[in-house]
Amino acid sequence: MVYENDNLIGIGAVKQVYKRPFDKSGIPELKDKYNFELGYIFLIDKEEYRGKGIGKSLYNKLLKQVENKNIFATTEENDENPMKFILKKIGFSKSGENYTGEETGKQIGLYLRSVSC
């Protein structure tokens, strides 16, 4: 969680979850090597918080919890999605093929950060 003056302005999570994104992306052979997912991140969308690296800082704190582990993330594949660019900046690489999200119908990309494979 991220606070400013006792006000919660952001939250994120690392989780152990299903690994269907590996199947959907066409790389099921990698799923046993990744036991953690960099899950959601939410920041209050206010002008004064934009461009200050709050999201990147939050992700770095989360990644410290699993710093010696392989981790994956999924996100919508469009050029206006800031998470896609944050993931690249913190060491994730796009892997496999995009797939269509069941709930959203949007194109989803699988991103991996490997410590060892």
PDB file of N, CA and C in Angstrom:
ATOM      1  N   MET A   1       0.830  -1.169   0.000  1.00  0.00           N
ATOM      2  CA  MET A   1       0.000   0.000   0.000  1.00  0.00           C
ATOM      3  C   MET A   1       0.882   1.242   0.000  1.00  0.00           C
ATOM      4  N   VAL A   2       0.383   2.285  -0.637  1.00  0.00           N
ATOM      5  CA  VAL A   2       1.087   3.558  -0.692  1.00  0.00           C
ATOM      6  C   VAL A   2       0.186   4.624  -0.075  1.00  0.00           C
ATOM      7  N   TYR A   3       0.767   5.388   0.848  1.00  0.00           N
ATOM      8  CA  TYR A   3       0.020   6.439   1.527  1.00  0.00           C
ATOM      9  C   TYR A   3       0.672   7.793   1.267  1.00  0.00           C
ATOM     10  N   GLU A   4      -0.150   8.827   1.277  1.00  0.00           N
ATOM     11  CA  GLU A   4       0.337  10.193   1.301  1.00  0.00           C
ATOM     12  C   GLU A   4      -0.485  10.925   2.349  1.00  0.00           C
ATOM     13  N   ASN A   5       0.209  11.442   3.359  1.00  0.00           N
ATOM     14  CA  ASN A   5      -0.482  12.146   4.455  1.00  0.00           C
ATOM     15  C   ASN A   5      -1.631  11.324   5.036  1.00  0.00           C
ATOM     16  N   ASP A   6      -1.370  10.073   5.346  1.00  0.00           N
ATOM     17  CA  ASP A   6      -2.352   9.160   5.926  1.00  0.00           C
ATOM     18  C   ASP A   6      -3.512   8.799   5.004  1.00  0.00           C
ATOM     19  N   ASN A   7      -3.426   9.184   3.726  1.00  0.00           N
ATOM     20  CA  ASN A   7      -4.448   8.824   2.746  1.00  0.00           C
ATOM     21  C   ASN A   7      -3.916   7.719   1.840  1.00  0.00           C
ATOM     22  N   LEU A   8      -4.668   6.654   1.727  1.00  0.00           N
ATOM     23  CA  LEU A   8      -4.290   5.554   0.845  1.00  0.00           C
ATOM     24  C   LEU A   8      -4.440   6.013  -0.595  1.00  0.00           C
ATOM     25  N   ILE A   9      -3.335   5.955  -1.362  1.00  0.00           N
ATOM     26  CA  ILE A   9      -3.400   6.380  -2.760  1.00  0.00           C
ATOM     27  C   ILE A   9      -3.070   5.252  -3.734  1.00  0.00           C
ATOM     28  N   GLY A  10      -2.600   4.100  -3.219  1.00  0.00           N
ATOM     29  CA  GLY A  10      -2.282   2.994  -4.113  1.00  0.00           C
ATOM     30  C   GLY A  10      -2.188   1.677  -3.384  1.00  0.00           C
ATOM     31  N   ILE A  11      -2.416   0.606  -4.138  1.00  0.00           N
ATOM     32  CA  ILE A  11      -2.347  -0.741  -3.572  1.00  0.00           C
ATOM     33  C   ILE A  11      -1.942  -1.706  -4.689  1.00  0.00           C
ATOM     34  N   GLY A  12      -1.242  -2.764  -4.322  1.00  0.00           N
ATOM     35  CA  GLY A  12      -0.831  -3.781  -5.287  1.00  0.00           C
ATOM     36  C   GLY A  12      -0.651  -5.107  -4.586  1.00  0.00           C
ATOM     37  N   ALA A  13      -0.412  -6.163  -5.367  1.00  0.00           N
ATOM     38  CA  ALA A  13      -0.285  -7.496  -4.768  1.00  0.00           C
ATOM     39  C   ALA A  13       0.563  -8.426  -5.612  1.00  0.00           C
ATOM     40  N   VAL A  14       1.251  -9.333  -4.936  1.00  0.00           N
ATOM     41  CA  VAL A  14       1.887 -10.498  -5.544  1.00  0.00           C
ATOM     42  C   VAL A  14       1.060 -11.676  -5.075  1.00  0.00           C
ATOM     43  N   LYS A  15       0.742 -12.581  -5.981  1.00  0.00           N
ATOM     44  CA  LYS A  15      -0.131 -13.691  -5.599  1.00  0.00           C
ATOM     45  C   LYS A  15       0.310 -14.995  -6.243  1.00  0.00           C
ATOM     46  N   GLN A  16      -0.128 -16.073  -5.645  1.00  0.00           N
ATOM     47  CA  GLN A  16       0.032 -17.401  -6.223  1.00  0.00           C
ATOM     48  C   GLN A  16      -1.333 -17.785  -6.768  1.00  0.00           C
ATOM     49  N   VAL A  17      -1.394 -18.017  -8.061  1.00  0.00           N
ATOM     50  CA  VAL A  17      -2.692 -18.226  -8.694  1.00  0.00           C
ATOM     51  C   VAL A  17      -2.622 -19.271  -9.792  1.00  0.00           C
ATOM     52  N   TYR A  18      -3.717 -19.320 -10.532  1.00  0.00           N
ATOM     53  CA  TYR A  18      -3.822 -20.192 -11.681  1.00  0.00           C
ATOM     54  C   TYR A  18      -2.753 -19.833 -12.716  1.00  0.00           C
ATOM     55  N   LYS A  19      -2.471 -20.753 -13.606  1.00  0.00           N
ATOM     56  CA  LYS A  19      -1.435 -20.516 -14.609  1.00  0.00           C
ATOM     57  C   LYS A  19      -1.963 -20.659 -16.023  1.00  0.00           C
ATOM     58  N   ARG A  20      -3.253 -20.479 -16.197  1.00  0.00           N
ATOM     59  CA  ARG A  20      -3.849 -20.584 -17.529  1.00  0.00           C
ATOM     60  C   ARG A  20      -3.261 -19.611 -18.549  1.00  0.00           C
ATOM     61  N   PRO A  21      -2.750 -18.434 -18.126  1.00  0.00           N
ATOM     62  CA  PRO A  21      -2.171 -17.542 -19.129  1.00  0.00           C
ATOM     63  C   PRO A  21      -1.042 -18.194 -19.942  1.00  0.00           C
ATOM     64  N   PHE A  22      -0.328 -19.129 -19.340  1.00  0.00           N
ATOM     65  CA  PHE A  22       0.737 -19.811 -20.086  1.00  0.00           C
ATOM     66  C   PHE A  22       0.151 -20.681 -21.185  1.00  0.00           C
ATOM     67  N   ASP A  23      -0.939 -21.382 -20.885  1.00  0.00           N
ATOM     68  CA  ASP A  23      -1.613 -22.194 -21.900  1.00  0.00           C
ATOM     69  C   ASP A  23      -2.180 -21.306 -23.000  1.00  0.00           C
ATOM     70  N   LYS A  24      -2.848 -20.239 -22.601  1.00  0.00           N
ATOM     71  CA  LYS A  24      -3.485 -19.346 -23.559  1.00  0.00           C
ATOM     72  C   LYS A  24      -2.471 -18.631 -24.446  1.00  0.00           C
ATOM     73  N   SER A  25      -1.264 -18.396 -23.917  1.00  0.00           N
ATOM     74  CA  SER A  25      -0.217 -17.710 -24.678  1.00  0.00           C
ATOM     75  C   SER A  25       0.596 -18.661 -25.541  1.00  0.00           C
ATOM     76  N   GLY A  26       0.300 -19.963 -25.435  1.00  0.00           N
ATOM     77  CA  GLY A  26       0.994 -20.942 -26.267  1.00  0.00           C
ATOM     78  C   GLY A  26       2.350 -21.371 -25.748  1.00  0.00           C
ATOM     79  N   ILE A  27       2.612 -21.147 -24.463  1.00  0.00           N
ATOM     80  CA  ILE A  27       3.890 -21.579 -23.876  1.00  0.00           C
ATOM     81  C   ILE A  27       3.656 -22.344 -22.563  1.00  0.00           C
ATOM     82  N   PRO A  28       2.864 -23.421 -22.634  1.00  0.00           N
ATOM     83  CA  PRO A  28       2.545 -24.166 -21.409  1.00  0.00           C
ATOM     84  C   PRO A  28       3.764 -24.809 -20.753  1.00  0.00           C
ATOM     85  N   GLU A  29       4.815 -25.015 -21.506  1.00  0.00           N
ATOM     86  CA  GLU A  29       6.016 -25.652 -20.952  1.00  0.00           C
ATOM     87  C   GLU A  29       6.711 -24.781 -19.912  1.00  0.00           C
ATOM     88  N   LEU A  30       6.391 -23.510 -19.844  1.00  0.00           N
ATOM     89  CA  LEU A  30       7.028 -22.617 -18.868  1.00  0.00           C
ATOM     90  C   LEU A  30       6.257 -22.460 -17.559  1.00  0.00           C
ATOM     91  N   LYS A  31       5.004 -22.880 -17.521  1.00  0.00           N
ATOM     92  CA  LYS A  31       4.171 -22.566 -16.359  1.00  0.00           C
ATOM     93  C   LYS A  31       4.671 -23.154 -15.043  1.00  0.00           C
ATOM     94  N   ASP A  32       5.361 -24.280 -15.061  1.00  0.00           N
ATOM     95  CA  ASP A  32       5.852 -24.863 -13.809  1.00  0.00           C
ATOM     96  C   ASP A  32       7.046 -24.098 -13.238  1.00  0.00           C
ATOM     97  N   LYS A  33       7.603 -23.178 -14.020  1.00  0.00           N
ATOM     98  CA  LYS A  33       8.756 -22.401 -13.566  1.00  0.00           C
ATOM     99  C   LYS A  33       8.354 -21.069 -12.933  1.00  0.00           C
ATOM    100  N   TYR A  34       7.056 -20.768 -12.941  1.00  0.00           N
ATOM    101  CA  TYR A  34       6.555 -19.489 -12.428  1.00  0.00           C
ATOM    102  C   TYR A  34       5.436 -19.743 -11.423  1.00  0.00           C
ATOM    103  N   ASN A  35       5.725 -19.483 -10.145  1.00  0.00           N
ATOM    104  CA  ASN A  35       4.733 -19.724  -9.104  1.00  0.00           C
ATOM    105  C   ASN A  35       4.117 -18.452  -8.539  1.00  0.00           C
ATOM    106  N   PHE A  36       4.575 -17.304  -9.016  1.00  0.00           N
ATOM    107  CA  PHE A  36       4.063 -16.037  -8.510  1.00  0.00           C
ATOM    108  C   PHE A  36       3.619 -15.149  -9.660  1.00  0.00           C
ATOM    109  N   GLU A  37       2.547 -14.406  -9.394  1.00  0.00           N
ATOM    110  CA  GLU A  37       2.050 -13.435 -10.364  1.00  0.00           C
ATOM    111  C   GLU A  37       2.071 -12.048  -9.736  1.00  0.00           C
ATOM    112  N   LEU A  38       2.625 -11.104 -10.468  1.00  0.00           N
ATOM    113  CA  LEU A  38       2.518  -9.719 -10.066  1.00  0.00           C
ATOM    114  C   LEU A  38       1.107  -9.313 -10.421  1.00  0.00           C
ATOM    115  N   GLY A  39       0.281  -9.228  -9.390  1.00  0.00           N
ATOM    116  CA  GLY A  39      -1.145  -9.033  -9.613  1.00  0.00           C
ATOM    117  C   GLY A  39      -1.499  -7.597  -9.898  1.00  0.00           C
ATOM    118  N   TYR A  40      -2.604  -7.215  -9.442  1.00  0.00           N
ATOM    119  CA  TYR A  40      -3.142  -5.904  -9.736  1.00  0.00           C
ATOM    120  C   TYR A  40      -2.335  -4.788  -9.090  1.00  0.00           C
ATOM    121  N   ILE A  41      -2.489  -3.618  -9.647  1.00  0.00           N
ATOM    122  CA  ILE A  41      -2.033  -2.393  -9.004  1.00  0.00           C
ATOM    123  C   ILE A  41      -3.130  -1.367  -9.230  1.00  0.00           C
ATOM    124  N   PHE A  42      -3.392  -0.594  -8.222  1.00  0.00           N
ATOM    125  CA  PHE A  42      -4.393   0.461  -8.350  1.00  0.00           C
ATOM    126  C   PHE A  42      -3.832   1.723  -7.714  1.00  0.00           C
ATOM    127  N   LEU A  43      -3.856   2.801  -8.472  1.00  0.00           N
ATOM    128  CA  LEU A  43      -3.471   4.107  -7.959  1.00  0.00           C
ATOM    129  C   LEU A  43      -4.621   5.074  -8.181  1.00  0.00           C
ATOM    130  N   ILE A  44      -4.835   5.936  -7.220  1.00  0.00           N
ATOM    131  CA  ILE A  44      -5.862   6.962  -7.404  1.00  0.00           C
ATOM    132  C   ILE A  44      -5.469   7.798  -8.613  1.00  0.00           C
ATOM    133  N   ASP A  45      -6.404   8.003  -9.509  1.00  0.00           N
ATOM    134  CA  ASP A  45      -6.136   8.714 -10.752  1.00  0.00           C
ATOM    135  C   ASP A  45      -6.357  10.208 -10.560  1.00  0.00           C
ATOM    136  N   LYS A  46      -5.323  10.854 -10.027  1.00  0.00           N
ATOM    137  CA  LYS A  46      -5.354  12.303  -9.840  1.00  0.00           C
ATOM    138  C   LYS A  46      -4.093  12.879 -10.461  1.00  0.00           C
ATOM    139  N   GLU A  47      -4.224  14.032 -11.028  1.00  0.00           N
ATOM    140  CA  GLU A  47      -3.120  14.685 -11.731  1.00  0.00           C
ATOM    141  C   GLU A  47      -1.861  14.791 -10.865  1.00  0.00           C
ATOM    142  N   GLU A  48      -2.017  15.084  -9.584  1.00  0.00           N
ATOM    143  CA  GLU A  48      -0.839  15.291  -8.734  1.00  0.00           C
ATOM    144  C   GLU A  48      -0.022  14.024  -8.487  1.00  0.00           C
ATOM    145  N   TYR A  49      -0.564  12.859  -8.815  1.00  0.00           N
ATOM    146  CA  TYR A  49       0.171  11.608  -8.624  1.00  0.00           C
ATOM    147  C   TYR A  49       0.773  11.069  -9.919  1.00  0.00           C
ATOM    148  N   ARG A  50       0.387  11.606 -11.048  1.00  0.00           N
ATOM    149  CA  ARG A  50       0.866  11.097 -12.341  1.00  0.00           C
ATOM    150  C   ARG A  50       2.312  11.493 -12.592  1.00  0.00           C
ATOM    151  N   GLY A  51       3.047  10.557 -13.194  1.00  0.00           N
ATOM    152  CA  GLY A  51       4.415  10.832 -13.607  1.00  0.00           C
ATOM    153  C   GLY A  51       5.422  10.950 -12.483  1.00  0.00           C
ATOM    154  N   LYS A  52       5.068  10.499 -11.305  1.00  0.00           N
ATOM    155  CA  LYS A  52       5.970  10.612 -10.156  1.00  0.00           C
ATOM    156  C   LYS A  52       6.631   9.284  -9.794  1.00  0.00           C
ATOM    157  N   GLY A  53       6.381   8.251 -10.593  1.00  0.00           N
ATOM    158  CA  GLY A  53       7.013   6.961 -10.336  1.00  0.00           C
ATOM    159  C   GLY A  53       6.380   6.178  -9.201  1.00  0.00           C
ATOM    160  N   ILE A  54       5.187   6.541  -8.795  1.00  0.00           N
ATOM    161  CA  ILE A  54       4.538   5.862  -7.675  1.00  0.00           C
ATOM    162  C   ILE A  54       4.241   4.409  -8.045  1.00  0.00           C
ATOM    163  N   GLY A  55       3.725   4.175  -9.248  1.00  0.00           N
ATOM    164  CA  GLY A  55       3.440   2.805  -9.684  1.00  0.00           C
ATOM    165  C   GLY A  55       4.697   1.965  -9.753  1.00  0.00           C
ATOM    166  N   LYS A  56       5.751   2.521 -10.329  1.00  0.00           N
ATOM    167  CA  LYS A  56       7.015   1.787 -10.436  1.00  0.00           C
ATOM    168  C   LYS A  56       7.581   1.488  -9.050  1.00  0.00           C
ATOM    169  N   SER A  57       7.507   2.447  -8.159  1.00  0.00           N
ATOM    170  CA  SER A  57       7.987   2.248  -6.794  1.00  0.00           C
ATOM    171  C   SER A  57       7.202   1.144  -6.088  1.00  0.00           C
ATOM    172  N   LEU A  58       5.886   1.150  -6.272  1.00  0.00           N
ATOM    173  CA  LEU A  58       5.043   0.130  -5.660  1.00  0.00           C
ATOM    174  C   LEU A  58       5.408  -1.258  -6.196  1.00  0.00           C
ATOM    175  N   TYR A  59       5.582  -1.370  -7.512  1.00  0.00           N
ATOM    176  CA  TYR A  59       5.973  -2.654  -8.091  1.00  0.00           C
ATOM    177  C   TYR A  59       7.329  -3.115  -7.568  1.00  0.00           C
ATOM    178  N   ASN A  60       8.282  -2.206  -7.466  1.00  0.00           N
ATOM    179  CA  ASN A  60       9.593  -2.596  -6.954  1.00  0.00           C
ATOM    180  C   ASN A  60       9.503  -3.132  -5.534  1.00  0.00           C
ATOM    181  N   LYS A  61       8.647  -2.532  -4.709  1.00  0.00           N
ATOM    182  CA  LYS A  61       8.462  -3.024  -3.343  1.00  0.00           C
ATOM    183  C   LYS A  61       7.834  -4.419  -3.353  1.00  0.00           C
ATOM    184  N   LEU A  62       6.890  -4.629  -4.236  1.00  0.00           N
ATOM    185  CA  LEU A  62       6.258  -5.948  -4.336  1.00  0.00           C
ATOM    186  C   LEU A  62       7.266  -6.998  -4.811  1.00  0.00           C
ATOM    187  N   LEU A  63       8.070  -6.632  -5.792  1.00  0.00           N
ATOM    188  CA  LEU A  63       9.041  -7.584  -6.342  1.00  0.00           C
ATOM    189  C   LEU A  63      10.111  -7.966  -5.336  1.00  0.00           C
ATOM    190  N   LYS A  64      10.394  -7.082  -4.407  1.00  0.00           N
ATOM    191  CA  LYS A  64      11.361  -7.419  -3.361  1.00  0.00           C
ATOM    192  C   LYS A  64      10.901  -8.627  -2.547  1.00  0.00           C
ATOM    193  N   GLN A  65       9.592  -8.830  -2.455  1.00  0.00           N
ATOM    194  CA  GLN A  65       9.046  -9.952  -1.706  1.00  0.00           C
ATOM    195  C   GLN A  65       9.358 -11.294  -2.368  1.00  0.00           C
ATOM    196  N   VAL A  66       9.621 -11.260  -3.661  1.00  0.00           N
ATOM    197  CA  VAL A  66       9.914 -12.488  -4.421  1.00  0.00           C
ATOM    198  C   VAL A  66      11.168 -12.289  -5.278  1.00  0.00           C
ATOM    199  N   GLU A  67      12.155 -11.577  -4.738  1.00  0.00           N
ATOM    200  CA  GLU A  67      13.297 -11.165  -5.543  1.00  0.00           C
ATOM    201  C   GLU A  67      14.119 -12.311  -6.125  1.00  0.00           C
ATOM    202  N   ASN A  68      14.078 -13.470  -5.543  1.00  0.00           N
ATOM    203  CA  ASN A  68      14.836 -14.610  -6.073  1.00  0.00           C
ATOM    204  C   ASN A  68      13.941 -15.637  -6.749  1.00  0.00           C
ATOM    205  N   LYS A  69      12.772 -15.213  -7.182  1.00  0.00           N
ATOM    206  CA  LYS A  69      11.790 -16.118  -7.801  1.00  0.00           C
ATOM    207  C   LYS A  69      11.399 -15.595  -9.183  1.00  0.00           C
ATOM    208  N   ASN A  70      11.056 -16.512 -10.052  1.00  0.00           N
ATOM    209  CA  ASN A  70      10.468 -16.142 -11.335  1.00  0.00           C
ATOM    210  C   ASN A  70       9.051 -15.646 -11.075  1.00  0.00           C
ATOM    211  N   ILE A  71       8.638 -14.663 -11.840  1.00  0.00           N
ATOM    212  CA  ILE A  71       7.314 -14.080 -11.638  1.00  0.00           C
ATOM    213  C   ILE A  71       6.729 -13.674 -12.987  1.00  0.00           C
ATOM    214  N   PHE A  72       5.407 -13.757 -13.109  1.00  0.00           N
ATOM    215  CA  PHE A  72       4.760 -13.348 -14.347  1.00  0.00           C
ATOM    216  C   PHE A  72       3.688 -12.307 -14.064  1.00  0.00           C
ATOM    217  N   ALA A  73       3.256 -11.666 -15.124  1.00  0.00           N
ATOM    218  CA  ALA A  73       2.168 -10.688 -15.044  1.00  0.00           C
ATOM    219  C   ALA A  73       1.396 -10.745 -16.352  1.00  0.00           C
ATOM    220  N   THR A  74       0.145 -10.376 -16.296  1.00  0.00           N
ATOM    221  CA  THR A  74      -0.659 -10.250 -17.513  1.00  0.00           C
ATOM    222  C   THR A  74      -1.239  -8.854 -17.538  1.00  0.00           C
ATOM    223  N   THR A  75      -1.400  -8.335 -18.742  1.00  0.00           N
ATOM    224  CA  THR A  75      -1.997  -7.011 -18.868  1.00  0.00           C
ATOM    225  C   THR A  75      -2.580  -6.832 -20.257  1.00  0.00           C
ATOM    226  N   GLU A  76      -3.476  -5.884 -20.358  1.00  0.00           N
ATOM    227  CA  GLU A  76      -4.093  -5.586 -21.647  1.00  0.00           C
ATOM    228  C   GLU A  76      -3.038  -5.060 -22.614  1.00  0.00           C
ATOM    229  N   GLU A  77      -3.102  -5.564 -23.836  1.00  0.00           N
ATOM    230  CA  GLU A  77      -2.148  -5.163 -24.867  1.00  0.00           C
ATOM    231  C   GLU A  77      -2.702  -4.012 -25.694  1.00  0.00           C
ATOM    232  N   ASN A  78      -2.467  -2.819 -25.241  1.00  0.00           N
ATOM    233  CA  ASN A  78      -2.738  -1.649 -26.064  1.00  0.00           C
ATOM    234  C   ASN A  78      -1.755  -0.562 -25.666  1.00  0.00           C
ATOM    235  N   ASP A  79      -1.473   0.331 -26.583  1.00  0.00           N
ATOM    236  CA  ASP A  79      -0.427   1.327 -26.363  1.00  0.00           C
ATOM    237  C   ASP A  79      -0.793   2.408 -25.353  1.00  0.00           C
ATOM    238  N   GLU A  80      -2.018   2.427 -24.886  1.00  0.00           N
ATOM    239  CA  GLU A  80      -2.420   3.410 -23.883  1.00  0.00           C
ATOM    240  C   GLU A  80      -2.444   2.821 -22.471  1.00  0.00           C
ATOM    241  N   ASN A  81      -2.027   1.575 -22.343  1.00  0.00           N
ATOM    242  CA  ASN A  81      -2.011   0.905 -21.052  1.00  0.00           C
ATOM    243  C   ASN A  81      -0.665   1.154 -20.366  1.00  0.00           C
ATOM    244  N   PRO A  82      -0.621   1.968 -19.307  1.00  0.00           N
ATOM    245  CA  PRO A  82       0.657   2.266 -18.657  1.00  0.00           C
ATOM    246  C   PRO A  82       1.313   1.053 -18.011  1.00  0.00           C
ATOM    247  N   MET A  83       0.528   0.062 -17.598  1.00  0.00           N
ATOM    248  CA  MET A  83       1.126  -1.105 -16.946  1.00  0.00           C
ATOM    249  C   MET A  83       2.090  -1.831 -17.885  1.00  0.00           C
ATOM    250  N   LYS A  84       1.754  -1.894 -19.143  1.00  0.00           N
ATOM    251  CA  LYS A  84       2.604  -2.558 -20.136  1.00  0.00           C
ATOM    252  C   LYS A  84       4.004  -1.934 -20.145  1.00  0.00           C
ATOM    253  N   PHE A  85       4.089  -0.631 -20.050  1.00  0.00           N
ATOM    254  CA  PHE A  85       5.369   0.066 -20.076  1.00  0.00           C
ATOM    255  C   PHE A  85       6.090  -0.027 -18.737  1.00  0.00           C
ATOM    256  N   ILE A  86       5.343  -0.012 -17.649  1.00  0.00           N
ATOM    257  CA  ILE A  86       5.955  -0.188 -16.327  1.00  0.00           C
ATOM    258  C   ILE A  86       6.592  -1.567 -16.232  1.00  0.00           C
ATOM    259  N   LEU A  87       5.885  -2.598 -16.708  1.00  0.00           N
ATOM    260  CA  LEU A  87       6.432  -3.951 -16.649  1.00  0.00           C
ATOM    261  C   LEU A  87       7.768  -4.043 -17.372  1.00  0.00           C
ATOM    262  N   LYS A  88       7.859  -3.439 -18.528  1.00  0.00           N
ATOM    263  CA  LYS A  88       9.118  -3.459 -19.280  1.00  0.00           C
ATOM    264  C   LYS A  88      10.221  -2.735 -18.520  1.00  0.00           C
ATOM    265  N   LYS A  89       9.892  -1.631 -17.881  1.00  0.00           N
ATOM    266  CA  LYS A  89      10.884  -0.860 -17.141  1.00  0.00           C
ATOM    267  C   LYS A  89      11.410  -1.600 -15.916  1.00  0.00           C
ATOM    268  N   ILE A  90      10.611  -2.519 -15.371  1.00  0.00           N
ATOM    269  CA  ILE A  90      11.058  -3.226 -14.166  1.00  0.00           C
ATOM    270  C   ILE A  90      11.496  -4.656 -14.467  1.00  0.00           C
ATOM    271  N   GLY A  91      11.856  -4.906 -15.725  1.00  0.00           N
ATOM    272  CA  GLY A  91      12.524  -6.155 -16.061  1.00  0.00           C
ATOM    273  C   GLY A  91      11.680  -7.280 -16.609  1.00  0.00           C
ATOM    274  N   PHE A  92      10.433  -7.039 -16.957  1.00  0.00           N
ATOM    275  CA  PHE A  92       9.581  -8.068 -17.553  1.00  0.00           C
ATOM    276  C   PHE A  92       9.711  -8.027 -19.069  1.00  0.00           C
ATOM    277  N   SER A  93       9.566  -9.182 -19.698  1.00  0.00           N
ATOM    278  CA  SER A  93       9.584  -9.279 -21.158  1.00  0.00           C
ATOM    279  C   SER A  93       8.312  -9.952 -21.631  1.00  0.00           C
ATOM    280  N   LYS A  94       7.771  -9.449 -22.717  1.00  0.00           N
ATOM    281  CA  LYS A  94       6.581 -10.046 -23.333  1.00  0.00           C
ATOM    282  C   LYS A  94       6.950 -11.430 -23.842  1.00  0.00           C
ATOM    283  N   SER A  95       6.099 -12.414 -23.586  1.00  0.00           N
ATOM    284  CA  SER A  95       6.356 -13.793 -24.002  1.00  0.00           C
ATOM    285  C   SER A  95       5.092 -14.409 -24.572  1.00  0.00           C
ATOM    286  N   GLY A  96       5.261 -15.305 -25.512  1.00  0.00           N
ATOM    287  CA  GLY A  96       4.117 -16.016 -26.082  1.00  0.00           C
ATOM    288  C   GLY A  96       3.251 -15.117 -26.939  1.00  0.00           C
ATOM    289  N   GLU A  97       2.070 -15.626 -27.241  1.00  0.00           N
ATOM    290  CA  GLU A  97       1.108 -14.932 -28.091  1.00  0.00           C
ATOM    291  C   GLU A  97       0.061 -14.220 -27.236  1.00  0.00           C
ATOM    292  N   ASN A  98      -0.481 -13.142 -27.749  1.00  0.00           N
ATOM    293  CA  ASN A  98      -1.611 -12.494 -27.083  1.00  0.00           C
ATOM    294  C   ASN A  98      -2.805 -13.442 -27.101  1.00  0.00           C
ATOM    295  N   TYR A  99      -3.701 -13.274 -26.134  1.00  0.00           N
ATOM    296  CA  TYR A  99      -4.935 -14.051 -26.121  1.00  0.00           C
ATOM    297  C   TYR A  99      -6.088 -13.130 -25.734  1.00  0.00           C
ATOM    298  N   THR A 100      -7.286 -13.577 -25.993  1.00  0.00           N
ATOM    299  CA  THR A 100      -8.467 -12.772 -25.699  1.00  0.00           C
ATOM    300  C   THR A 100      -8.949 -13.056 -24.286  1.00  0.00           C
ATOM    301  N   GLY A 101      -9.085 -12.010 -23.492  1.00  0.00           N
ATOM    302  CA  GLY A 101      -9.574 -12.141 -22.118  1.00  0.00           C
ATOM    303  C   GLY A 101     -11.015 -12.607 -22.108  1.00  0.00           C
ATOM    304  N   GLU A 102     -11.307 -13.586 -21.271  1.00  0.00           N
ATOM    305  CA  GLU A 102     -12.658 -14.155 -21.210  1.00  0.00           C
ATOM    306  C   GLU A 102     -13.700 -13.146 -20.756  1.00  0.00           C
ATOM    307  N   GLU A 103     -13.364 -12.342 -19.768  1.00  0.00           N
ATOM    308  CA  GLU A 103     -14.333 -11.391 -19.226  1.00  0.00           C
ATOM    309  C   GLU A 103     -14.375 -10.080 -19.998  1.00  0.00           C
ATOM    310  N   THR A 104     -13.222  -9.639 -20.490  1.00  0.00           N
ATOM    311  CA  THR A 104     -13.159  -8.325 -21.130  1.00  0.00           C
ATOM    312  C   THR A 104     -13.261  -8.377 -22.647  1.00  0.00           C
ATOM    313  N   GLY A 105     -12.877  -9.497 -23.246  1.00  0.00           N
ATOM    314  CA  GLY A 105     -12.832  -9.595 -24.703  1.00  0.00           C
ATOM    315  C   GLY A 105     -11.665  -8.823 -25.302  1.00  0.00           C
ATOM    316  N   LYS A 106     -10.766  -8.314 -24.455  1.00  0.00           N
ATOM    317  CA  LYS A 106      -9.613  -7.537 -24.916  1.00  0.00           C
ATOM    318  C   LYS A 106      -8.391  -8.431 -25.064  1.00  0.00           C
ATOM    319  N   GLN A 107      -7.433  -7.973 -25.854  1.00  0.00           N
ATOM    320  CA  GLN A 107      -6.191  -8.707 -26.048  1.00  0.00           C
ATOM    321  C   GLN A 107      -5.326  -8.580 -24.800  1.00  0.00           C
ATOM    322  N   ILE A 108      -4.831  -9.717 -24.313  1.00  0.00           N
ATOM    323  CA  ILE A 108      -4.024  -9.797 -23.101  1.00  0.00           C
ATOM    324  C   ILE A 108      -2.643 -10.328 -23.468  1.00  0.00           C
ATOM    325  N   GLY A 109      -1.623  -9.751 -22.848  1.00  0.00           N
ATOM    326  CA  GLY A 109      -0.253 -10.203 -23.045  1.00  0.00           C
ATOM    327  C   GLY A 109       0.302 -10.800 -21.767  1.00  0.00           C
ATOM    328  N   LEU A 110       1.182 -11.772 -21.920  1.00  0.00           N
ATOM    329  CA  LEU A 110       1.858 -12.420 -20.798  1.00  0.00           C
ATOM    330  C   LEU A 110       3.279 -11.874 -20.734  1.00  0.00           C
ATOM    331  N   TYR A 111       3.664 -11.421 -19.557  1.00  0.00           N
ATOM    332  CA  TYR A 111       4.994 -10.855 -19.336  1.00  0.00           C
ATOM    333  C   TYR A 111       5.707 -11.671 -18.263  1.00  0.00           C
ATOM    334  N   LEU A 112       6.975 -11.969 -18.495  1.00  0.00           N
ATOM    335  CA  LEU A 112       7.759 -12.802 -17.589  1.00  0.00           C
ATOM    336  C   LEU A 112       8.993 -12.052 -17.086  1.00  0.00           C
ATOM    337  N   ARG A 113       9.312 -12.293 -15.828  1.00  0.00           N
ATOM    338  CA  ARG A 113      10.582 -11.828 -15.272  1.00  0.00           C
ATOM    339  C   ARG A 113      11.244 -13.053 -14.673  1.00  0.00           C
ATOM    340  N   SER A 114      12.364 -13.428 -15.266  1.00  0.00           N
ATOM    341  CA  SER A 114      13.029 -14.670 -14.876  1.00  0.00           C
ATOM    342  C   SER A 114      14.293 -14.407 -14.086  1.00  0.00           C
ATOM    343  N   VAL A 115      14.423 -15.121 -13.006  1.00  0.00           N
ATOM    344  CA  VAL A 115      15.645 -15.100 -12.234  1.00  0.00           C
ATOM    345  C   VAL A 115      16.478 -16.294 -12.671  1.00  0.00           C
ATOM    346  N   SER A 116      15.785 -17.417 -12.907  1.00  0.00           N
ATOM    347  CA  SER A 116      16.431 -18.636 -13.386  1.00  0.00           C
ATOM    348  C   SER A 116      15.396 -19.483 -14.099  1.00  0.00           C
ATOM    349  N   CYS A 117      15.780 -20.126 -15.154  1.00  0.00           N
ATOM    350  CA  CYS A 117      14.868 -21.031 -15.875  1.00  0.00           C
ATOM    351  C   CYS A 117      15.595 -22.272 -16.298  1.00  0.00           C
TER     352      CYS A 117
END
